[in-house]
N, C-alpha and C. Protein backbone atom coordinates (compact mmCIF):
# COMPACT_ATOMS: atom_id res chain seq x y z
N MET A 1 0.82 -1.19 0.00
CA MET A 1 0.00 0.00 0.00
C MET A 1 0.86 1.26 0.00
N LYS A 2 1.93 1.22 0.81
CA LYS A 2 2.80 2.39 0.90
C LYS A 2 3.49 2.66 -0.43
N ASN A 3 3.90 1.62 -1.16
CA ASN A 3 4.56 1.79 -2.45
C ASN A 3 3.62 2.42 -3.47
N LYS A 4 2.34 2.03 -3.45
CA LYS A 4 1.37 2.60 -4.37
C LYS A 4 1.17 4.09 -4.11
N THR A 5 1.16 4.47 -2.85
CA THR A 5 1.00 5.88 -2.49
C THR A 5 2.21 6.69 -2.96
N VAL A 6 3.40 6.16 -2.79
CA VAL A 6 4.62 6.86 -3.22
C VAL A 6 4.63 6.99 -4.74
N ILE A 7 4.26 5.95 -5.45
CA ILE A 7 4.21 6.00 -6.91
C ILE A 7 3.16 7.01 -7.38
N PHE A 8 2.01 7.00 -6.73
CA PHE A 8 0.94 7.93 -7.10
C PHE A 8 1.39 9.38 -6.94
N PHE A 9 1.96 9.71 -5.79
CA PHE A 9 2.41 11.08 -5.57
C PHE A 9 3.58 11.45 -6.48
N SER A 10 4.42 10.47 -6.83
CA SER A 10 5.52 10.74 -7.76
C SER A 10 4.98 11.10 -9.15
N VAL A 11 3.96 10.37 -9.59
CA VAL A 11 3.35 10.67 -10.89
C VAL A 11 2.69 12.04 -10.86
N ILE A 12 1.96 12.34 -9.80
CA ILE A 12 1.32 13.66 -9.67
C ILE A 12 2.38 14.76 -9.69
N LEU A 13 3.47 14.58 -8.99
CA LEU A 13 4.54 15.57 -8.94
C LEU A 13 5.16 15.77 -10.32
N MET A 14 5.35 14.70 -11.08
CA MET A 14 5.90 14.83 -12.43
C MET A 14 4.95 15.58 -13.35
N VAL A 15 3.66 15.31 -13.25
CA VAL A 15 2.67 16.00 -14.08
C VAL A 15 2.66 17.49 -13.75
N VAL A 16 2.67 17.83 -12.48
CA VAL A 16 2.69 19.24 -12.07
C VAL A 16 3.98 19.90 -12.55
N ALA A 17 5.11 19.23 -12.45
CA ALA A 17 6.39 19.79 -12.89
C ALA A 17 6.39 20.06 -14.39
N ILE A 18 5.76 19.20 -15.17
CA ILE A 18 5.71 19.40 -16.62
C ILE A 18 4.92 20.65 -16.97
N PHE A 19 3.79 20.87 -16.28
CA PHE A 19 2.94 22.01 -16.59
C PHE A 19 3.50 23.34 -16.09
N PHE A 20 4.23 23.30 -14.98
CA PHE A 20 4.72 24.54 -14.40
C PHE A 20 6.20 24.80 -14.62
N ALA A 21 6.86 23.91 -15.32
CA ALA A 21 8.29 24.10 -15.61
C ALA A 21 8.45 25.28 -16.56
N PRO A 22 9.55 26.02 -16.45
CA PRO A 22 9.77 27.14 -17.37
C PRO A 22 9.88 26.64 -18.80
N SER A 23 9.36 27.43 -19.67
CA SER A 23 9.35 27.05 -21.09
C SER A 23 10.74 27.18 -21.68
N CYS A 24 11.10 26.23 -22.50
CA CYS A 24 12.40 26.27 -23.18
C CYS A 24 12.26 26.87 -24.57
N LYS A 25 11.08 27.37 -24.87
CA LYS A 25 10.85 27.95 -26.19
C LYS A 25 11.67 29.24 -26.34
N LYS A 26 12.41 29.32 -27.42
CA LYS A 26 13.22 30.50 -27.69
C LYS A 26 12.33 31.62 -28.22
N GLU A 27 12.54 32.82 -27.69
CA GLU A 27 11.75 33.95 -28.13
C GLU A 27 12.17 34.38 -29.53
N GLU A 28 11.19 34.73 -30.34
CA GLU A 28 11.44 35.16 -31.71
C GLU A 28 12.16 36.51 -31.70
N PRO A 29 13.02 36.76 -32.69
CA PRO A 29 13.69 38.07 -32.75
C PRO A 29 12.71 39.16 -33.16
N GLY A 30 13.07 40.38 -32.83
CA GLY A 30 12.29 41.53 -33.28
C GLY A 30 12.63 41.82 -34.73
N LYS A 31 11.62 42.16 -35.50
CA LYS A 31 11.84 42.41 -36.93
C LYS A 31 11.51 43.86 -37.24
N ALA A 32 12.22 44.39 -38.23
CA ALA A 32 11.98 45.75 -38.70
C ALA A 32 11.88 45.73 -40.22
N ILE A 33 10.87 46.42 -40.72
CA ILE A 33 10.72 46.60 -42.17
C ILE A 33 10.78 48.10 -42.43
N ILE A 34 11.77 48.51 -43.19
CA ILE A 34 11.94 49.92 -43.54
C ILE A 34 11.57 50.06 -45.00
N THR A 35 10.62 50.96 -45.28
CA THR A 35 10.20 51.25 -46.66
C THR A 35 10.67 52.66 -47.00
N VAL A 36 11.33 52.80 -48.14
CA VAL A 36 11.85 54.10 -48.58
C VAL A 36 11.11 54.50 -49.85
N VAL A 37 10.50 55.71 -49.81
CA VAL A 37 9.76 56.22 -50.97
C VAL A 37 10.27 57.63 -51.31
N ASP A 38 10.05 58.02 -52.58
CA ASP A 38 10.45 59.36 -52.99
C ASP A 38 9.29 60.32 -52.74
N SER A 39 9.42 61.55 -53.25
CA SER A 39 8.40 62.58 -53.01
C SER A 39 7.06 62.26 -53.69
N LEU A 40 7.06 61.33 -54.65
CA LEU A 40 5.82 60.92 -55.32
C LEU A 40 5.28 59.61 -54.75
N ASN A 41 5.81 59.18 -53.61
CA ASN A 41 5.44 57.93 -52.93
C ASN A 41 5.77 56.68 -53.75
N LEU A 42 6.76 56.78 -54.62
CA LEU A 42 7.23 55.63 -55.39
C LEU A 42 8.40 54.99 -54.64
N PRO A 43 8.51 53.66 -54.65
CA PRO A 43 9.62 53.01 -53.93
C PRO A 43 10.97 53.38 -54.51
N VAL A 44 11.95 53.52 -53.64
CA VAL A 44 13.31 53.88 -54.04
C VAL A 44 14.18 52.62 -53.98
N PHE A 45 14.63 52.16 -55.15
CA PHE A 45 15.50 50.99 -55.24
C PHE A 45 16.94 51.41 -55.04
N GLY A 46 17.70 50.63 -54.29
CA GLY A 46 19.13 50.87 -54.15
C GLY A 46 19.52 51.91 -53.12
N ALA A 47 18.60 52.33 -52.28
CA ALA A 47 18.93 53.26 -51.20
C ALA A 47 19.60 52.48 -50.07
N VAL A 48 20.54 53.11 -49.40
CA VAL A 48 21.25 52.47 -48.29
C VAL A 48 20.55 52.85 -46.99
N VAL A 49 20.07 51.83 -46.27
CA VAL A 49 19.40 52.03 -44.98
C VAL A 49 20.37 51.61 -43.89
N ASN A 50 20.71 52.56 -43.02
CA ASN A 50 21.65 52.32 -41.94
C ASN A 50 20.91 52.45 -40.61
N LEU A 51 20.78 51.34 -39.89
CA LEU A 51 20.20 51.36 -38.55
C LEU A 51 21.35 51.33 -37.56
N ASN A 52 21.33 52.25 -36.59
CA ASN A 52 22.42 52.28 -35.62
C ASN A 52 21.94 52.81 -34.29
N SER A 53 22.75 52.55 -33.28
CA SER A 53 22.45 53.01 -31.92
C SER A 53 23.35 54.17 -31.53
N ASP A 54 23.83 54.92 -32.50
CA ASP A 54 24.75 56.03 -32.21
C ASP A 54 24.15 57.08 -31.28
N ASN A 55 22.82 57.23 -31.30
CA ASN A 55 22.19 58.25 -30.46
C ASN A 55 21.80 57.70 -29.09
N ASN A 56 22.12 56.43 -28.80
CA ASN A 56 21.80 55.81 -27.52
C ASN A 56 23.02 55.84 -26.61
N PRO A 57 22.79 55.77 -25.29
CA PRO A 57 23.93 55.72 -24.38
C PRO A 57 24.70 54.40 -24.51
N LYS A 58 25.96 54.42 -24.13
CA LYS A 58 26.80 53.23 -24.16
C LYS A 58 26.29 52.27 -23.10
N PRO A 59 26.62 51.01 -23.07
CA PRO A 59 27.70 50.34 -23.74
C PRO A 59 27.29 49.67 -25.04
N GLY A 60 25.97 49.49 -25.27
CA GLY A 60 25.54 48.72 -26.43
C GLY A 60 25.76 49.43 -27.75
N ILE A 61 26.33 48.73 -28.70
CA ILE A 61 26.49 49.26 -30.05
C ILE A 61 25.78 48.29 -30.99
N VAL A 62 24.76 48.79 -31.66
CA VAL A 62 23.98 47.97 -32.58
C VAL A 62 24.00 48.67 -33.93
N LYS A 63 24.36 47.93 -34.97
CA LYS A 63 24.39 48.49 -36.32
C LYS A 63 23.93 47.44 -37.32
N ASP A 64 23.24 47.90 -38.34
CA ASP A 64 22.85 47.03 -39.45
C ASP A 64 22.65 47.91 -40.67
N LYS A 65 23.25 47.53 -41.77
CA LYS A 65 23.16 48.32 -43.00
C LYS A 65 22.73 47.42 -44.14
N LYS A 66 21.69 47.83 -44.85
CA LYS A 66 21.21 47.06 -46.00
C LYS A 66 20.78 48.01 -47.11
N THR A 67 20.62 47.43 -48.30
CA THR A 67 20.19 48.19 -49.48
C THR A 67 18.77 47.79 -49.83
N THR A 68 17.94 48.78 -50.19
CA THR A 68 16.54 48.50 -50.49
C THR A 68 16.38 47.63 -51.73
N ASP A 69 15.33 46.83 -51.71
CA ASP A 69 15.02 45.95 -52.84
C ASP A 69 14.16 46.71 -53.87
N ASN A 70 13.58 46.00 -54.84
CA ASN A 70 12.76 46.63 -55.88
C ASN A 70 11.52 47.32 -55.33
N ASN A 71 11.07 46.89 -54.16
CA ASN A 71 9.90 47.50 -53.53
C ASN A 71 10.28 48.62 -52.57
N GLY A 72 11.55 48.98 -52.53
CA GLY A 72 12.01 50.05 -51.65
C GLY A 72 12.07 49.62 -50.19
N ARG A 73 12.23 48.33 -49.92
CA ARG A 73 12.20 47.82 -48.54
C ARG A 73 13.50 47.15 -48.14
N THR A 74 13.78 47.22 -46.85
CA THR A 74 14.84 46.42 -46.23
C THR A 74 14.23 45.69 -45.05
N TYR A 75 14.80 44.53 -44.72
CA TYR A 75 14.30 43.69 -43.65
C TYR A 75 15.44 43.43 -42.66
N HIS A 76 15.16 43.65 -41.39
CA HIS A 76 16.19 43.52 -40.35
C HIS A 76 15.63 42.69 -39.20
N GLU A 77 16.53 42.01 -38.47
CA GLU A 77 16.16 41.24 -37.28
C GLU A 77 17.15 41.53 -36.16
N PHE A 78 16.59 41.65 -34.93
CA PHE A 78 17.41 41.89 -33.75
C PHE A 78 16.91 41.02 -32.61
N PRO A 79 17.81 40.35 -31.88
CA PRO A 79 17.38 39.44 -30.82
C PRO A 79 16.87 40.14 -29.56
N LEU A 80 17.26 41.38 -29.34
CA LEU A 80 16.88 42.10 -28.13
C LEU A 80 16.07 43.35 -28.49
N GLU A 81 15.43 43.92 -27.48
CA GLU A 81 14.68 45.16 -27.69
C GLU A 81 15.66 46.31 -27.89
N VAL A 82 15.44 47.10 -28.94
CA VAL A 82 16.33 48.22 -29.25
C VAL A 82 15.54 49.39 -29.81
N ILE A 83 16.08 50.58 -29.60
CA ILE A 83 15.58 51.79 -30.27
C ILE A 83 16.74 52.26 -31.13
N LEU A 84 16.51 52.31 -32.43
CA LEU A 84 17.59 52.63 -33.36
C LEU A 84 17.27 53.84 -34.21
N GLN A 85 18.32 54.52 -34.61
CA GLN A 85 18.20 55.65 -35.53
C GLN A 85 18.22 55.10 -36.95
N VAL A 86 17.34 55.61 -37.80
CA VAL A 86 17.25 55.18 -39.19
C VAL A 86 17.81 56.30 -40.07
N GLU A 87 18.88 55.99 -40.81
CA GLU A 87 19.49 56.95 -41.73
C GLU A 87 19.45 56.35 -43.13
N VAL A 88 18.91 57.10 -44.08
CA VAL A 88 18.78 56.60 -45.45
C VAL A 88 19.47 57.57 -46.40
N THR A 89 20.27 57.02 -47.32
CA THR A 89 20.91 57.83 -48.36
C THR A 89 20.79 57.11 -49.70
N LYS A 90 20.75 57.91 -50.74
CA LYS A 90 20.74 57.37 -52.12
C LYS A 90 21.40 58.42 -52.99
N ASP A 91 22.59 58.12 -53.49
CA ASP A 91 23.37 59.07 -54.29
C ASP A 91 23.47 60.39 -53.54
N ALA A 92 22.96 61.49 -54.10
CA ALA A 92 23.02 62.79 -53.44
C ALA A 92 21.79 63.05 -52.57
N MET A 93 20.83 62.13 -52.61
CA MET A 93 19.61 62.31 -51.81
C MET A 93 19.89 61.92 -50.36
N ILE A 94 19.52 62.80 -49.45
CA ILE A 94 19.64 62.51 -48.02
C ILE A 94 18.23 62.60 -47.44
N PHE A 95 17.80 61.53 -46.83
CA PHE A 95 16.46 61.45 -46.28
C PHE A 95 16.46 61.91 -44.83
N PRO A 96 15.33 62.37 -44.31
CA PRO A 96 15.28 62.78 -42.90
C PRO A 96 15.51 61.58 -41.98
N LYS A 97 16.21 61.82 -40.87
CA LYS A 97 16.47 60.76 -39.91
C LYS A 97 15.21 60.51 -39.07
N SER A 98 15.08 59.27 -38.62
CA SER A 98 13.97 58.93 -37.75
C SER A 98 14.42 57.81 -36.81
N ASN A 99 13.55 57.42 -35.90
CA ASN A 99 13.86 56.35 -34.96
C ASN A 99 12.83 55.23 -35.10
N ILE A 100 13.26 54.02 -34.73
CA ILE A 100 12.36 52.87 -34.75
C ILE A 100 12.60 52.06 -33.48
N HIS A 101 11.50 51.60 -32.89
CA HIS A 101 11.54 50.80 -31.66
C HIS A 101 11.23 49.35 -32.03
N ILE A 102 12.18 48.45 -31.80
CA ILE A 102 12.04 47.06 -32.19
C ILE A 102 11.95 46.21 -30.92
N ILE A 103 10.89 45.38 -30.86
CA ILE A 103 10.62 44.54 -29.70
C ILE A 103 10.64 43.07 -30.13
N PRO A 104 11.31 42.19 -29.38
CA PRO A 104 11.35 40.78 -29.75
C PRO A 104 9.94 40.20 -29.92
N GLY A 105 9.78 39.40 -30.96
CA GLY A 105 8.50 38.77 -31.24
C GLY A 105 7.52 39.65 -32.00
N GLU A 106 7.89 40.89 -32.26
CA GLU A 106 7.01 41.82 -32.98
C GLU A 106 7.71 42.34 -34.22
N THR A 107 6.92 42.92 -35.14
CA THR A 107 7.46 43.53 -36.35
C THR A 107 7.16 45.02 -36.34
N ALA A 108 8.20 45.82 -36.40
CA ALA A 108 8.05 47.27 -36.46
C ALA A 108 8.24 47.71 -37.92
N GLU A 109 7.40 48.62 -38.37
CA GLU A 109 7.50 49.12 -39.74
C GLU A 109 7.56 50.65 -39.72
N ILE A 110 8.35 51.17 -40.65
CA ILE A 110 8.45 52.62 -40.79
C ILE A 110 8.66 52.93 -42.27
N THR A 111 8.07 54.04 -42.71
CA THR A 111 8.26 54.52 -44.08
C THR A 111 9.04 55.82 -44.02
N VAL A 112 10.14 55.87 -44.76
CA VAL A 112 10.97 57.07 -44.83
C VAL A 112 10.72 57.70 -46.19
N LYS A 113 10.33 58.98 -46.18
CA LYS A 113 9.97 59.67 -47.42
C LYS A 113 10.96 60.80 -47.70
N TYR A 114 11.41 60.84 -48.96
CA TYR A 114 12.31 61.91 -49.38
C TYR A 114 11.50 63.20 -49.53
N ARG A 115 12.06 64.31 -49.05
CA ARG A 115 11.34 65.60 -49.15
C ARG A 115 11.82 66.39 -50.32
């Protein structure tokens, strides 16, 4: 009888541990989609999008630089929450700077328009 009780409570304890154990699921990275358009709202192909943390306090340095595709977009991923400055250039065109807040598991989007 005593062995059955010990086995029963052991099974119950294992079931409870499975349900309340911390999840080993890895959190998805934060994603950013930057769309670059000209003054006529047409996509700008070949613009350089530079995301950086230069305007944030140290110690973290985060940088990512990509070139826009045919739809005027770049796609970025970051494992941690960050607020980054968005700088876009294309030949002699300089676009206004802006900021983007990227949160893990979410997708942040911003459109940068040439003036």
